[in-house]
Amino acid sequence: MFSFYLLAWRRYFDFSGFSSRKEFWMFMWVHLLVTLMCIALDVRLDDMTWLDMGYGVASAIPVVALVVRRLHDIDRSGWWGCVFFVPVIGPFVLIYFLSQQGDSYAQSARRT
């Protein structure tokens, strides 16, 4: 699980290629745990706001890159990630897209 988390950080600025469902969701679970730990430390120590804010800012690019690669895996443009900003339904539509099984035919066709 942690290897997928580190992989996303290694591919920090990689907006091309593909990311599997497993890679995406394993990263998101670890990301959620790290975020919650940062928030807990902030609440507990009372002056650690910089910790959760800093982690949020630093992790924004890997999260966006991972979403773009995940969308590529289901044969959609990375621009579909902007659907997140549509009020009310946008995040649900994006979660639906990100949960779909990858298109292995599209991957093999693009790699040749």
PDB file of N, CA and C in Angstrom:
ATOM      1  N   MET A   1       0.833  -1.185   0.000  1.00  0.00           N
ATOM      2  CA  MET A   1       0.000   0.000   0.000  1.00  0.00           C
ATOM      3  C   MET A   1       0.881   1.254   0.000  1.00  0.00           C
ATOM      4  N   PHE A   2       1.903   1.246   0.856  1.00  0.00           N
ATOM      5  CA  PHE A   2       2.758   2.417   0.951  1.00  0.00           C
ATOM      6  C   PHE A   2       3.583   2.624  -0.315  1.00  0.00           C
ATOM      7  N   SER A   3       3.853   1.539  -1.045  1.00  0.00           N
ATOM      8  CA  SER A   3       4.629   1.668  -2.284  1.00  0.00           C
ATOM      9  C   SER A   3       3.867   2.490  -3.327  1.00  0.00           C
ATOM     10  N   PHE A   4       2.543   2.357  -3.362  1.00  0.00           N
ATOM     11  CA  PHE A   4       1.744   3.164  -4.289  1.00  0.00           C
ATOM     12  C   PHE A   4       1.779   4.639  -3.895  1.00  0.00           C
ATOM     13  N   TYR A   5       1.811   4.891  -2.602  1.00  0.00           N
ATOM     14  CA  TYR A   5       1.897   6.265  -2.103  1.00  0.00           C
ATOM     15  C   TYR A   5       3.217   6.898  -2.553  1.00  0.00           C
ATOM     16  N   LEU A   6       4.296   6.156  -2.362  1.00  0.00           N
ATOM     17  CA  LEU A   6       5.607   6.669  -2.774  1.00  0.00           C
ATOM     18  C   LEU A   6       5.714   6.811  -4.285  1.00  0.00           C
ATOM     19  N   LEU A   7       5.089   5.904  -5.023  1.00  0.00           N
ATOM     20  CA  LEU A   7       5.109   5.976  -6.482  1.00  0.00           C
ATOM     21  C   LEU A   7       4.480   7.280  -6.975  1.00  0.00           C
ATOM     22  N   ALA A   8       3.375   7.676  -6.374  1.00  0.00           N
ATOM     23  CA  ALA A   8       2.721   8.929  -6.774  1.00  0.00           C
ATOM     24  C   ALA A   8       3.634  10.125  -6.506  1.00  0.00           C
ATOM     25  N   TRP A   9       4.381  10.091  -5.411  1.00  0.00           N
ATOM     26  CA  TRP A   9       5.313  11.184  -5.122  1.00  0.00           C
ATOM     27  C   TRP A   9       6.497  11.170  -6.086  1.00  0.00           C
ATOM     28  N   ARG A  10       6.928   9.979  -6.501  1.00  0.00           N
ATOM     29  CA  ARG A  10       8.026   9.907  -7.477  1.00  0.00           C
ATOM     30  C   ARG A  10       7.584  10.421  -8.842  1.00  0.00           C
ATOM     31  N   ARG A  11       6.310  10.266  -9.143  1.00  0.00           N
ATOM     32  CA  ARG A  11       5.774  10.731 -10.436  1.00  0.00           C
ATOM     33  C   ARG A  11       5.092  12.094 -10.259  1.00  0.00           C
ATOM     34  N   TYR A  12       5.670  12.948  -9.429  1.00  0.00           N
ATOM     35  CA  TYR A  12       5.123  14.238  -9.007  1.00  0.00           C
ATOM     36  C   TYR A  12       4.575  15.068 -10.165  1.00  0.00           C
ATOM     37  N   PHE A  13       5.364  15.258 -11.204  1.00  0.00           N
ATOM     38  CA  PHE A  13       4.953  16.098 -12.334  1.00  0.00           C
ATOM     39  C   PHE A  13       4.624  15.285 -13.580  1.00  0.00           C
ATOM     40  N   ASP A  14       4.330  14.021 -13.435  1.00  0.00           N
ATOM     41  CA  ASP A  14       4.037  13.150 -14.574  1.00  0.00           C
ATOM     42  C   ASP A  14       2.534  13.153 -14.859  1.00  0.00           C
ATOM     43  N   PHE A  15       2.139  13.940 -15.850  1.00  0.00           N
ATOM     44  CA  PHE A  15       0.727  14.039 -16.218  1.00  0.00           C
ATOM     45  C   PHE A  15       0.401  13.174 -17.436  1.00  0.00           C
ATOM     46  N   SER A  16       1.353  12.362 -17.864  1.00  0.00           N
ATOM     47  CA  SER A  16       1.104  11.463 -18.992  1.00  0.00           C
ATOM     48  C   SER A  16       1.151  10.029 -18.483  1.00  0.00           C
ATOM     49  N   GLY A  17       0.685   9.134 -19.285  1.00  0.00           N
ATOM     50  CA  GLY A  17       0.682   7.736 -18.882  1.00  0.00           C
ATOM     51  C   GLY A  17      -0.600   7.357 -18.170  1.00  0.00           C
ATOM     52  N   PHE A  18      -0.526   6.265 -17.425  1.00  0.00           N
ATOM     53  CA  PHE A  18      -1.713   5.683 -16.815  1.00  0.00           C
ATOM     54  C   PHE A  18      -1.443   5.362 -15.357  1.00  0.00           C
ATOM     55  N   SER A  19      -2.509   5.326 -14.566  1.00  0.00           N
ATOM     56  CA  SER A  19      -2.453   4.832 -13.188  1.00  0.00           C
ATOM     57  C   SER A  19      -3.652   3.931 -12.969  1.00  0.00           C
ATOM     58  N   SER A  20      -3.400   2.778 -12.410  1.00  0.00           N
ATOM     59  CA  SER A  20      -4.471   1.801 -12.196  1.00  0.00           C
ATOM     60  C   SER A  20      -5.402   2.240 -11.070  1.00  0.00           C
ATOM     61  N   ARG A  21      -6.535   1.575 -11.018  1.00  0.00           N
ATOM     62  CA  ARG A  21      -7.485   1.824  -9.936  1.00  0.00           C
ATOM     63  C   ARG A  21      -6.830   1.550  -8.591  1.00  0.00           C
ATOM     64  N   LYS A  22      -6.119   0.435  -8.519  1.00  0.00           N
ATOM     65  CA  LYS A  22      -5.465   0.072  -7.257  1.00  0.00           C
ATOM     66  C   LYS A  22      -4.447   1.126  -6.843  1.00  0.00           C
ATOM     67  N   GLU A  23      -3.625   1.561  -7.789  1.00  0.00           N
ATOM     68  CA  GLU A  23      -2.628   2.593  -7.496  1.00  0.00           C
ATOM     69  C   GLU A  23      -3.306   3.852  -6.975  1.00  0.00           C
ATOM     70  N   PHE A  24      -4.383   4.259  -7.632  1.00  0.00           N
ATOM     71  CA  PHE A  24      -5.086   5.477  -7.240  1.00  0.00           C
ATOM     72  C   PHE A  24      -5.666   5.366  -5.833  1.00  0.00           C
ATOM     73  N   TRP A  25      -6.445   4.306  -5.595  1.00  0.00           N
ATOM     74  CA  TRP A  25      -7.146   4.201  -4.312  1.00  0.00           C
ATOM     75  C   TRP A  25      -6.193   3.908  -3.163  1.00  0.00           C
ATOM     76  N   MET A  26      -5.124   3.166  -3.368  1.00  0.00           N
ATOM     77  CA  MET A  26      -4.143   2.946  -2.301  1.00  0.00           C
ATOM     78  C   MET A  26      -3.470   4.263  -1.927  1.00  0.00           C
ATOM     79  N   PHE A  27      -3.118   5.059  -2.945  1.00  0.00           N
ATOM     80  CA  PHE A  27      -2.544   6.371  -2.652  1.00  0.00           C
ATOM     81  C   PHE A  27      -3.533   7.210  -1.858  1.00  0.00           C
ATOM     82  N   MET A  28      -4.795   7.226  -2.284  1.00  0.00           N
ATOM     83  CA  MET A  28      -5.782   8.080  -1.620  1.00  0.00           C
ATOM     84  C   MET A  28      -6.005   7.676  -0.164  1.00  0.00           C
ATOM     85  N   TRP A  29      -5.977   6.374   0.141  1.00  0.00           N
ATOM     86  CA  TRP A  29      -6.143   5.934   1.536  1.00  0.00           C
ATOM     87  C   TRP A  29      -4.978   6.408   2.401  1.00  0.00           C
ATOM     88  N   VAL A  30      -3.754   6.232   1.912  1.00  0.00           N
ATOM     89  CA  VAL A  30      -2.588   6.680   2.685  1.00  0.00           C
ATOM     90  C   VAL A  30      -2.597   8.200   2.790  1.00  0.00           C
ATOM     91  N   HIS A  31      -2.943   8.877   1.711  1.00  0.00           N
ATOM     92  CA  HIS A  31      -3.032  10.339   1.712  1.00  0.00           C
ATOM     93  C   HIS A  31      -4.042  10.810   2.761  1.00  0.00           C
ATOM     94  N   LEU A  32      -5.181  10.147   2.836  1.00  0.00           N
ATOM     95  CA  LEU A  32      -6.194  10.485   3.839  1.00  0.00           C
ATOM     96  C   LEU A  32      -5.643  10.286   5.251  1.00  0.00           C
ATOM     97  N   LEU A  33      -4.952   9.174   5.483  1.00  0.00           N
ATOM     98  CA  LEU A  33      -4.379   8.916   6.810  1.00  0.00           C
ATOM     99  C   LEU A  33      -3.335   9.962   7.192  1.00  0.00           C
ATOM    100  N   VAL A  34      -2.464  10.322   6.258  1.00  0.00           N
ATOM    101  CA  VAL A  34      -1.445  11.340   6.530  1.00  0.00           C
ATOM    102  C   VAL A  34      -2.116  12.682   6.807  1.00  0.00           C
ATOM    103  N   THR A  35      -3.133  13.026   6.031  1.00  0.00           N
ATOM    104  CA  THR A  35      -3.857  14.281   6.241  1.00  0.00           C
ATOM    105  C   THR A  35      -4.500  14.304   7.622  1.00  0.00           C
ATOM    106  N   LEU A  36      -5.156  13.209   8.005  1.00  0.00           N
ATOM    107  CA  LEU A  36      -5.794  13.142   9.323  1.00  0.00           C
ATOM    108  C   LEU A  36      -4.767  13.227  10.451  1.00  0.00           C
ATOM    109  N   MET A  37      -3.598  12.621  10.264  1.00  0.00           N
ATOM    110  CA  MET A  37      -2.543  12.727  11.280  1.00  0.00           C
ATOM    111  C   MET A  37      -2.043  14.163  11.399  1.00  0.00           C
ATOM    112  N   CYS A  38      -1.897  14.842  10.278  1.00  0.00           N
ATOM    113  CA  CYS A  38      -1.468  16.243  10.306  1.00  0.00           C
ATOM    114  C   CYS A  38      -2.504  17.112  11.017  1.00  0.00           C
ATOM    115  N   ILE A  39      -3.769  16.873  10.736  1.00  0.00           N
ATOM    116  CA  ILE A  39      -4.837  17.634  11.390  1.00  0.00           C
ATOM    117  C   ILE A  39      -4.860  17.334  12.885  1.00  0.00           C
ATOM    118  N   ALA A  40      -4.707  16.062  13.255  1.00  0.00           N
ATOM    119  CA  ALA A  40      -4.697  15.690  14.674  1.00  0.00           C
ATOM    120  C   ALA A  40      -3.536  16.358  15.406  1.00  0.00           C
ATOM    121  N   LEU A  41      -2.363  16.384  14.781  1.00  0.00           N
ATOM    122  CA  LEU A  41      -1.224  17.073  15.394  1.00  0.00           C
ATOM    123  C   LEU A  41      -1.496  18.561  15.530  1.00  0.00           C
ATOM    124  N   ASP A  42      -2.111  19.141  14.531  1.00  0.00           N
ATOM    125  CA  ASP A  42      -2.449  20.561  14.566  1.00  0.00           C
ATOM    126  C   ASP A  42      -3.388  20.858  15.733  1.00  0.00           C
ATOM    127  N   VAL A  43      -4.411  20.040  15.899  1.00  0.00           N
ATOM    128  CA  VAL A  43      -5.377  20.244  16.982  1.00  0.00           C
ATOM    129  C   VAL A  43      -4.713  19.999  18.338  1.00  0.00           C
ATOM    130  N   ARG A  44      -3.913  18.956  18.418  1.00  0.00           N
ATOM    131  CA  ARG A  44      -3.285  18.567  19.687  1.00  0.00           C
ATOM    132  C   ARG A  44      -2.234  19.578  20.147  1.00  0.00           C
ATOM    133  N   LEU A  45      -1.404  20.039  19.236  1.00  0.00           N
ATOM    134  CA  LEU A  45      -0.294  20.915  19.603  1.00  0.00           C
ATOM    135  C   LEU A  45      -0.621  22.391  19.455  1.00  0.00           C
ATOM    136  N   ASP A  46      -1.716  22.697  18.843  1.00  0.00           N
ATOM    137  CA  ASP A  46      -2.299  24.046  18.785  1.00  0.00           C
ATOM    138  C   ASP A  46      -1.548  25.086  17.958  1.00  0.00           C
ATOM    139  N   ASP A  47      -0.334  24.832  17.523  1.00  0.00           N
ATOM    140  CA  ASP A  47       0.313  25.807  16.637  1.00  0.00           C
ATOM    141  C   ASP A  47       1.034  25.113  15.486  1.00  0.00           C
ATOM    142  N   MET A  48       0.455  24.028  15.024  1.00  0.00           N
ATOM    143  CA  MET A  48       1.049  23.269  13.929  1.00  0.00           C
ATOM    144  C   MET A  48       0.246  23.438  12.639  1.00  0.00           C
ATOM    145  N   THR A  49      -0.468  24.546  12.498  1.00  0.00           N
ATOM    146  CA  THR A  49      -1.277  24.775  11.304  1.00  0.00           C
ATOM    147  C   THR A  49      -0.433  24.645  10.044  1.00  0.00           C
ATOM    148  N   TRP A  50       0.806  25.070  10.127  1.00  0.00           N
ATOM    149  CA  TRP A  50       1.693  25.007   8.966  1.00  0.00           C
ATOM    150  C   TRP A  50       1.872  23.575   8.475  1.00  0.00           C
ATOM    151  N   LEU A  51       1.736  22.591   9.384  1.00  0.00           N
ATOM    152  CA  LEU A  51       1.955  21.201   9.002  1.00  0.00           C
ATOM    153  C   LEU A  51       0.877  20.701   8.043  1.00  0.00           C
ATOM    154  N   ASP A  52      -0.397  20.832   8.429  1.00  0.00           N
ATOM    155  CA  ASP A  52      -1.453  20.346   7.531  1.00  0.00           C
ATOM    156  C   ASP A  52      -1.613  21.235   6.310  1.00  0.00           C
ATOM    157  N   MET A  53      -1.387  22.530   6.455  1.00  0.00           N
ATOM    158  CA  MET A  53      -1.445  23.422   5.291  1.00  0.00           C
ATOM    159  C   MET A  53      -0.302  23.104   4.328  1.00  0.00           C
ATOM    160  N   GLY A  54       0.886  22.915   4.865  1.00  0.00           N
ATOM    161  CA  GLY A  54       2.046  22.602   4.031  1.00  0.00           C
ATOM    162  C   GLY A  54       1.889  21.282   3.303  1.00  0.00           C
ATOM    163  N   TYR A  55       1.388  20.271   4.015  1.00  0.00           N
ATOM    164  CA  TYR A  55       1.173  18.976   3.373  1.00  0.00           C
ATOM    165  C   TYR A  55       0.104  19.090   2.288  1.00  0.00           C
ATOM    166  N   GLY A  56      -0.948  19.835   2.561  1.00  0.00           N
ATOM    167  CA  GLY A  56      -2.012  20.013   1.566  1.00  0.00           C
ATOM    168  C   GLY A  56      -1.506  20.673   0.294  1.00  0.00           C
ATOM    169  N   VAL A  57      -0.704  21.707   0.457  1.00  0.00           N
ATOM    170  CA  VAL A  57      -0.150  22.410  -0.707  1.00  0.00           C
ATOM    171  C   VAL A  57       0.843  21.512  -1.450  1.00  0.00           C
ATOM    172  N   ALA A  58       1.724  20.850  -0.704  1.00  0.00           N
ATOM    173  CA  ALA A  58       2.738  19.995  -1.336  1.00  0.00           C
ATOM    174  C   ALA A  58       2.118  18.809  -2.063  1.00  0.00           C
ATOM    175  N   SER A  59       1.015  18.278  -1.548  1.00  0.00           N
ATOM    176  CA  SER A  59       0.419  17.083  -2.153  1.00  0.00           C
ATOM    177  C   SER A  59      -0.585  17.397  -3.254  1.00  0.00           C
ATOM    178  N   ALA A  60      -0.886  18.658  -3.476  1.00  0.00           N
ATOM    179  CA  ALA A  60      -1.883  19.017  -4.495  1.00  0.00           C
ATOM    180  C   ALA A  60      -1.454  18.566  -5.891  1.00  0.00           C
ATOM    181  N   ILE A  61      -0.210  18.808  -6.259  1.00  0.00           N
ATOM    182  CA  ILE A  61       0.248  18.450  -7.606  1.00  0.00           C
ATOM    183  C   ILE A  61       0.273  16.932  -7.812  1.00  0.00           C
ATOM    184  N   PRO A  62       0.809  16.139  -6.872  1.00  0.00           N
ATOM    185  CA  PRO A  62       0.754  14.686  -7.090  1.00  0.00           C
ATOM    186  C   PRO A  62      -0.676  14.154  -7.179  1.00  0.00           C
ATOM    187  N   VAL A  63      -1.596  14.732  -6.416  1.00  0.00           N
ATOM    188  CA  VAL A  63      -2.991  14.281  -6.475  1.00  0.00           C
ATOM    189  C   VAL A  63      -3.584  14.590  -7.844  1.00  0.00           C
ATOM    190  N   VAL A  64      -3.364  15.804  -8.341  1.00  0.00           N
ATOM    191  CA  VAL A  64      -3.892  16.177  -9.659  1.00  0.00           C
ATOM    192  C   VAL A  64      -3.261  15.303 -10.745  1.00  0.00           C
ATOM    193  N   ALA A  65      -1.948  15.090 -10.671  1.00  0.00           N
ATOM    194  CA  ALA A  65      -1.273  14.244 -11.668  1.00  0.00           C
ATOM    195  C   ALA A  65      -1.819  12.821 -11.633  1.00  0.00           C
ATOM    196  N   LEU A  66      -2.073  12.306 -10.438  1.00  0.00           N
ATOM    197  CA  LEU A  66      -2.615  10.953 -10.303  1.00  0.00           C
ATOM    198  C   LEU A  66      -4.029  10.869 -10.874  1.00  0.00           C
ATOM    199  N   VAL A  67      -4.841  11.891 -10.630  1.00  0.00           N
ATOM    200  CA  VAL A  67      -6.202  11.921 -11.196  1.00  0.00           C
ATOM    201  C   VAL A  67      -6.133  11.939 -12.718  1.00  0.00           C
ATOM    202  N   VAL A  68      -5.242  12.746 -13.276  1.00  0.00           N
ATOM    203  CA  VAL A  68      -5.100  12.822 -14.735  1.00  0.00           C
ATOM    204  C   VAL A  68      -4.677  11.465 -15.298  1.00  0.00           C
ATOM    205  N   ARG A  69      -3.692  10.827 -14.674  1.00  0.00           N
ATOM    206  CA  ARG A  69      -3.256   9.508 -15.157  1.00  0.00           C
ATOM    207  C   ARG A  69      -4.356   8.467 -15.008  1.00  0.00           C
ATOM    208  N   ARG A  70      -5.138   8.569 -13.939  1.00  0.00           N
ATOM    209  CA  ARG A  70      -6.257   7.630 -13.743  1.00  0.00           C
ATOM    210  C   ARG A  70      -7.310   7.832 -14.828  1.00  0.00           C
ATOM    211  N   LEU A  71      -7.594   9.087 -15.175  1.00  0.00           N
ATOM    212  CA  LEU A  71      -8.549   9.368 -16.250  1.00  0.00           C
ATOM    213  C   LEU A  71      -8.026   8.842 -17.583  1.00  0.00           C
ATOM    214  N   HIS A  72      -6.729   8.950 -17.813  1.00  0.00           N
ATOM    215  CA  HIS A  72      -6.143   8.379 -19.033  1.00  0.00           C
ATOM    216  C   HIS A  72      -6.363   6.872 -19.076  1.00  0.00           C
ATOM    217  N   ASP A  73      -6.302   6.222 -17.915  1.00  0.00           N
ATOM    218  CA  ASP A  73      -6.470   4.770 -17.850  1.00  0.00           C
ATOM    219  C   ASP A  73      -7.874   4.339 -18.266  1.00  0.00           C
ATOM    220  N   ILE A  74      -8.857   5.209 -18.072  1.00  0.00           N
ATOM    221  CA  ILE A  74     -10.225   4.874 -18.500  1.00  0.00           C
ATOM    222  C   ILE A  74     -10.540   5.532 -19.838  1.00  0.00           C
ATOM    223  N   ASP A  75      -9.482   5.922 -20.545  1.00  0.00           N
ATOM    224  CA  ASP A  75      -9.590   6.476 -21.893  1.00  0.00           C
ATOM    225  C   ASP A  75     -10.356   7.797 -21.930  1.00  0.00           C
ATOM    226  N   ARG A  76     -10.093   8.647 -20.942  1.00  0.00           N
ATOM    227  CA  ARG A  76     -10.664   9.994 -20.914  1.00  0.00           C
ATOM    228  C   ARG A  76      -9.522  11.000 -20.842  1.00  0.00           C
ATOM    229  N   SER A  77      -9.810  12.186 -21.317  1.00  0.00           N
ATOM    230  CA  SER A  77      -8.841  13.268 -21.231  1.00  0.00           C
ATOM    231  C   SER A  77      -8.662  13.683 -19.769  1.00  0.00           C
ATOM    232  N   GLY A  78      -7.478  14.141 -19.439  1.00  0.00           N
ATOM    233  CA  GLY A  78      -7.225  14.639 -18.092  1.00  0.00           C
ATOM    234  C   GLY A  78      -8.072  15.844 -17.738  1.00  0.00           C
ATOM    235  N   TRP A  79      -8.549  16.547 -18.758  1.00  0.00           N
ATOM    236  CA  TRP A  79      -9.397  17.718 -18.520  1.00  0.00           C
ATOM    237  C   TRP A  79     -10.717  17.349 -17.849  1.00  0.00           C
ATOM    238  N   TRP A  80     -11.102  16.071 -17.929  1.00  0.00           N
ATOM    239  CA  TRP A  80     -12.312  15.633 -17.238  1.00  0.00           C
ATOM    240  C   TRP A  80     -12.189  15.832 -15.732  1.00  0.00           C
ATOM    241  N   GLY A  81     -10.989  15.984 -15.225  1.00  0.00           N
ATOM    242  CA  GLY A  81     -10.794  16.258 -13.801  1.00  0.00           C
ATOM    243  C   GLY A  81     -11.432  17.561 -13.366  1.00  0.00           C
ATOM    244  N   CYS A  82     -11.621  18.477 -14.310  1.00  0.00           N
ATOM    245  CA  CYS A  82     -12.255  19.763 -14.000  1.00  0.00           C
ATOM    246  C   CYS A  82     -13.723  19.610 -13.629  1.00  0.00           C
ATOM    247  N   VAL A  83     -14.315  18.444 -13.919  1.00  0.00           N
ATOM    248  CA  VAL A  83     -15.711  18.209 -13.557  1.00  0.00           C
ATOM    249  C   VAL A  83     -15.881  18.302 -12.035  1.00  0.00           C
ATOM    250  N   PHE A  84     -14.797  18.129 -11.298  1.00  0.00           N
ATOM    251  CA  PHE A  84     -14.826  18.246  -9.838  1.00  0.00           C
ATOM    252  C   PHE A  84     -15.404  19.589  -9.396  1.00  0.00           C
ATOM    253  N   PHE A  85     -15.184  20.631 -10.181  1.00  0.00           N
ATOM    254  CA  PHE A  85     -15.596  21.978  -9.798  1.00  0.00           C
ATOM    255  C   PHE A  85     -17.042  22.304 -10.135  1.00  0.00           C
ATOM    256  N   VAL A  86     -17.759  21.375 -10.756  1.00  0.00           N
ATOM    257  CA  VAL A  86     -19.191  21.569 -11.016  1.00  0.00           C
ATOM    258  C   VAL A  86     -19.909  21.423  -9.674  1.00  0.00           C
ATOM    259  N   PRO A  87     -20.661  22.447  -9.270  1.00  0.00           N
ATOM    260  CA  PRO A  87     -21.310  22.389  -7.955  1.00  0.00           C
ATOM    261  C   PRO A  87     -22.204  21.161  -7.785  1.00  0.00           C
ATOM    262  N   VAL A  88     -22.219  20.654  -6.607  1.00  0.00           N
ATOM    263  CA  VAL A  88     -23.039  19.554  -6.106  1.00  0.00           C
ATOM    264  C   VAL A  88     -22.687  18.206  -6.740  1.00  0.00           C
ATOM    265  N   ILE A  89     -22.846  18.039  -8.053  1.00  0.00           N
ATOM    266  CA  ILE A  89     -22.669  16.711  -8.652  1.00  0.00           C
ATOM    267  C   ILE A  89     -21.251  16.440  -9.153  1.00  0.00           C
ATOM    268  N   GLY A  90     -20.459  17.475  -9.349  1.00  0.00           N
ATOM    269  CA  GLY A  90     -19.123  17.316  -9.923  1.00  0.00           C
ATOM    270  C   GLY A  90     -18.242  16.302  -9.216  1.00  0.00           C
ATOM    271  N   PRO A  91     -18.067  16.422  -7.892  1.00  0.00           N
ATOM    272  CA  PRO A  91     -17.218  15.438  -7.199  1.00  0.00           C
ATOM    273  C   PRO A  91     -17.728  14.002  -7.328  1.00  0.00           C
ATOM    274  N   PHE A  92     -19.042  13.824  -7.342  1.00  0.00           N
ATOM    275  CA  PHE A  92     -19.608  12.475  -7.473  1.00  0.00           C
ATOM    276  C   PHE A  92     -19.354  11.898  -8.867  1.00  0.00           C
ATOM    277  N   VAL A  93     -19.448  12.747  -9.880  1.00  0.00           N
ATOM    278  CA  VAL A  93     -19.162  12.303 -11.250  1.00  0.00           C
ATOM    279  C   VAL A  93     -17.693  11.893 -11.357  1.00  0.00           C
ATOM    280  N   LEU A  94     -16.808  12.702 -10.769  1.00  0.00           N
ATOM    281  CA  LEU A  94     -15.380  12.377 -10.823  1.00  0.00           C
ATOM    282  C   LEU A  94     -15.085  11.072 -10.081  1.00  0.00           C
ATOM    283  N   ILE A  95     -15.683  10.871  -8.925  1.00  0.00           N
ATOM    284  CA  ILE A  95     -15.489   9.616  -8.188  1.00  0.00           C
ATOM    285  C   ILE A  95     -15.984   8.435  -9.013  1.00  0.00           C
ATOM    286  N   TYR A  96     -17.101   8.619  -9.703  1.00  0.00           N
ATOM    287  CA  TYR A  96     -17.611   7.557 -10.580  1.00  0.00           C
ATOM    288  C   TYR A  96     -16.582   7.224 -11.661  1.00  0.00           C
ATOM    289  N   PHE A  97     -16.040   8.255 -12.314  1.00  0.00           N
ATOM    290  CA  PHE A  97     -15.031   8.032 -13.354  1.00  0.00           C
ATOM    291  C   PHE A  97     -13.805   7.313 -12.785  1.00  0.00           C
ATOM    292  N   LEU A  98     -13.327   7.796 -11.640  1.00  0.00           N
ATOM    293  CA  LEU A  98     -12.103   7.251 -11.058  1.00  0.00           C
ATOM    294  C   LEU A  98     -12.278   5.815 -10.574  1.00  0.00           C
ATOM    295  N   SER A  99     -13.518   5.400 -10.364  1.00  0.00           N
ATOM    296  CA  SER A  99     -13.809   4.045  -9.884  1.00  0.00           C
ATOM    297  C   SER A  99     -13.986   3.034 -11.007  1.00  0.00           C
ATOM    298  N   GLN A 100     -14.055   3.517 -12.245  1.00  0.00           N
ATOM    299  CA  GLN A 100     -14.264   2.607 -13.367  1.00  0.00           C
ATOM    300  C   GLN A 100     -13.020   1.768 -13.631  1.00  0.00           C
ATOM    301  N   GLN A 101     -13.254   0.589 -14.178  1.00  0.00           N
ATOM    302  CA  GLN A 101     -12.145  -0.290 -14.553  1.00  0.00           C
ATOM    303  C   GLN A 101     -11.388   0.323 -15.727  1.00  0.00           C
ATOM    304  N   GLY A 102     -10.069   0.167 -15.726  1.00  0.00           N
ATOM    305  CA  GLY A 102      -9.237   0.705 -16.790  1.00  0.00           C
ATOM    306  C   GLY A 102      -9.478   0.019 -18.116  1.00  0.00           C
ATOM    307  N   ASP A 103      -9.122   0.716 -19.182  1.00  0.00           N
ATOM    308  CA  ASP A 103      -9.298   0.201 -20.537  1.00  0.00           C
ATOM    309  C   ASP A 103      -7.963  -0.359 -21.010  1.00  0.00           C
ATOM    310  N   SER A 104      -7.738  -1.647 -20.783  1.00  0.00           N
ATOM    311  CA  SER A 104      -6.443  -2.243 -21.125  1.00  0.00           C
ATOM    312  C   SER A 104      -6.180  -2.213 -22.627  1.00  0.00           C
ATOM    313  N   TYR A 105      -7.225  -2.259 -23.459  1.00  0.00           N
ATOM    314  CA  TYR A 105      -7.033  -2.180 -24.907  1.00  0.00           C
ATOM    315  C   TYR A 105      -6.488  -0.806 -25.287  1.00  0.00           C
ATOM    316  N   ALA A 106      -7.037   0.246 -24.690  1.00  0.00           N
ATOM    317  CA  ALA A 106      -6.568   1.603 -25.000  1.00  0.00           C
ATOM    318  C   ALA A 106      -5.114   1.762 -24.590  1.00  0.00           C
ATOM    319  N   GLN A 107      -4.727   1.190 -23.456  1.00  0.00           N
ATOM    320  CA  GLN A 107      -3.339   1.287 -23.007  1.00  0.00           C
ATOM    321  C   GLN A 107      -2.400   0.610 -23.985  1.00  0.00           C
ATOM    322  N   SER A 108      -2.736  -0.597 -24.394  1.00  0.00           N
ATOM    323  CA  SER A 108      -1.836  -1.318 -25.289  1.00  0.00           C
ATOM    324  C   SER A 108      -1.789  -0.667 -26.663  1.00  0.00           C
ATOM    325  N   ALA A 109      -2.894  -0.105 -27.129  1.00  0.00           N
ATOM    326  CA  ALA A 109      -2.921   0.553 -28.435  1.00  0.00           C
ATOM    327  C   ALA A 109      -2.073   1.816 -28.422  1.00  0.00           C
ATOM    328  N   ARG A 110      -2.094   2.559 -27.324  1.00  0.00           N
ATOM    329  CA  ARG A 110      -1.324   3.797 -27.247  1.00  0.00           C
ATOM    330  C   ARG A 110       0.160   3.541 -27.064  1.00  0.00           C
ATOM    331  N   ARG A 111       0.512   2.432 -26.481  1.00  0.00           N
ATOM    332  CA  ARG A 111       1.926   2.143 -26.214  1.00  0.00           C
ATOM    333  C   ARG A 111       2.649   1.610 -27.431  1.00  0.00           C
ATOM    334  N   THR A 112       1.928   1.162 -28.450  1.00  0.00           N
ATOM    335  CA  THR A 112       2.587   0.598 -29.629  1.00  0.00           C
ATOM    336  C   THR A 112       2.847   1.658 -30.666  1.00  0.00           C
TER     337      THR A 112
END
